[in-house]
Amino acid sequence: MTTASTAVQPRTASHRREVTTMKQTLHRLLRRCLQPAPRRTTLFNGQLLDQKREDVYLAMHRIGLIR
């Protein structure tokens, strides 16, 4: 079968509707992706920071970087 022997099928209204629906879906997804993500606030945990600082200091002292 060659391309010259195939008949071109006319596009139907349902095909156009399907393409339009797909375009609208893609536009919606793109708009959603381009919006900045909502910013989540984090609480500062000073006690955890102090604990991590002490752990790092102890590890560096053990390997000889700090005397």
C-alpha atoms as a PDB file:
ATOM      1  CA  MET A   1       0.000   0.000   0.000  1.00  0.00           C
ATOM      2  CA  THR A   2       1.442   3.357  -0.979  1.00  0.00           C
ATOM      3  CA  THR A   3       0.587   6.824   0.183  1.00  0.00           C
ATOM      4  CA  ALA A   4      -0.763   7.668  -3.270  1.00  0.00           C
ATOM      5  CA  SER A   5      -3.390   4.933  -3.059  1.00  0.00           C
ATOM      6  CA  THR A   6      -4.698   5.833   0.383  1.00  0.00           C
ATOM      7  CA  ALA A   7      -7.693   8.096   0.484  1.00  0.00           C
ATOM      8  CA  VAL A   8      -7.669  11.032   2.849  1.00  0.00           C
ATOM      9  CA  GLN A   9     -10.395  10.686   5.446  1.00  0.00           C
ATOM     10  CA  PRO A  10     -12.322  13.865   6.219  1.00  0.00           C
ATOM     11  CA  ARG A  11     -12.006  14.988   9.821  1.00  0.00           C
ATOM     12  CA  THR A  12     -15.143  14.646  11.799  1.00  0.00           C
ATOM     13  CA  ALA A  13     -16.588  16.916  14.450  1.00  0.00           C
ATOM     14  CA  SER A  14     -15.723  14.381  17.154  1.00  0.00           C
ATOM     15  CA  HIS A  15     -12.062  14.487  16.082  1.00  0.00           C
ATOM     16  CA  ARG A  16     -12.036  18.282  16.332  1.00  0.00           C
ATOM     17  CA  ARG A  17     -13.725  18.094  19.742  1.00  0.00           C
ATOM     18  CA  GLU A  18     -11.123  15.568  20.919  1.00  0.00           C
ATOM     19  CA  VAL A  19      -8.259  17.788  19.754  1.00  0.00           C
ATOM     20  CA  THR A  20      -9.809  20.859  21.403  1.00  0.00           C
ATOM     21  CA  THR A  21     -10.281  18.971  24.663  1.00  0.00           C
ATOM     22  CA  MET A  22      -6.664  17.780  24.601  1.00  0.00           C
ATOM     23  CA  LYS A  23      -5.420  21.323  23.917  1.00  0.00           C
ATOM     24  CA  GLN A  24      -7.447  22.666  26.834  1.00  0.00           C
ATOM     25  CA  THR A  25      -6.078  19.951  29.116  1.00  0.00           C
ATOM     26  CA  LEU A  26      -2.508  20.769  28.107  1.00  0.00           C
ATOM     27  CA  HIS A  27      -3.078  24.493  28.641  1.00  0.00           C
ATOM     28  CA  ARG A  28      -4.495  23.802  32.114  1.00  0.00           C
ATOM     29  CA  LEU A  29      -1.504  21.643  33.034  1.00  0.00           C
ATOM     30  CA  LEU A  30       0.969  24.218  31.755  1.00  0.00           C
ATOM     31  CA  ARG A  31      -0.735  27.012  33.674  1.00  0.00           C
ATOM     32  CA  ARG A  32      -0.644  24.935  36.844  1.00  0.00           C
ATOM     33  CA  CYS A  33       3.069  24.130  36.394  1.00  0.00           C
ATOM     34  CA  LEU A  34       4.011  27.758  35.780  1.00  0.00           C
ATOM     35  CA  GLN A  35       2.432  29.032  38.995  1.00  0.00           C
ATOM     36  CA  PRO A  36       4.827  29.288  41.942  1.00  0.00           C
ATOM     37  CA  ALA A  37       4.432  26.572  44.538  1.00  0.00           C
ATOM     38  CA  PRO A  38       2.782  27.613  47.792  1.00  0.00           C
ATOM     39  CA  ARG A  39       5.415  28.536  50.331  1.00  0.00           C
ATOM     40  CA  ARG A  40       5.389  26.455  53.452  1.00  0.00           C
ATOM     41  CA  THR A  41       6.657  28.093  56.595  1.00  0.00           C
ATOM     42  CA  THR A  42       9.081  26.123  58.724  1.00  0.00           C
ATOM     43  CA  LEU A  43       9.539  26.599  62.404  1.00  0.00           C
ATOM     44  CA  PHE A  44      13.036  27.311  63.662  1.00  0.00           C
ATOM     45  CA  ASN A  45      14.233  24.660  66.081  1.00  0.00           C
ATOM     46  CA  GLY A  46      17.115  26.129  68.078  1.00  0.00           C
ATOM     47  CA  GLN A  47      17.515  23.081  70.295  1.00  0.00           C
ATOM     48  CA  LEU A  48      17.998  20.808  67.277  1.00  0.00           C
ATOM     49  CA  LEU A  49      20.516  23.251  65.814  1.00  0.00           C
ATOM     50  CA  ASP A  50      22.551  23.238  69.039  1.00  0.00           C
ATOM     51  CA  GLN A  51      22.491  19.432  69.152  1.00  0.00           C
ATOM     52  CA  LYS A  52      23.688  19.140  65.554  1.00  0.00           C
ATOM     53  CA  ARG A  53      26.399  21.721  66.202  1.00  0.00           C
ATOM     54  CA  GLU A  54      27.659  19.703  69.168  1.00  0.00           C
ATOM     55  CA  ASP A  55      27.581  16.477  67.132  1.00  0.00           C
ATOM     56  CA  VAL A  56      29.618  18.054  64.343  1.00  0.00           C
ATOM     57  CA  TYR A  57      32.108  19.536  66.801  1.00  0.00           C
ATOM     58  CA  LEU A  58      32.552  16.136  68.493  1.00  0.00           C
ATOM     59  CA  ALA A  59      33.018  14.330  65.156  1.00  0.00           C
ATOM     60  CA  MET A  60      35.608  16.879  63.974  1.00  0.00           C
ATOM     61  CA  HIS A  61      37.417  16.636  67.308  1.00  0.00           C
ATOM     62  CA  ARG A  62      37.555  12.828  67.053  1.00  0.00           C
ATOM     63  CA  ILE A  63      39.076  12.861  63.562  1.00  0.00           C
ATOM     64  CA  GLY A  64      41.674  15.409  64.672  1.00  0.00           C
ATOM     65  CA  LEU A  65      40.532  18.534  62.832  1.00  0.00           C
ATOM     66  CA  ILE A  66      39.859  20.402  66.085  1.00  0.00           C
ATOM     67  CA  ARG A  67      42.057  20.229  69.200  1.00  0.00           C
END
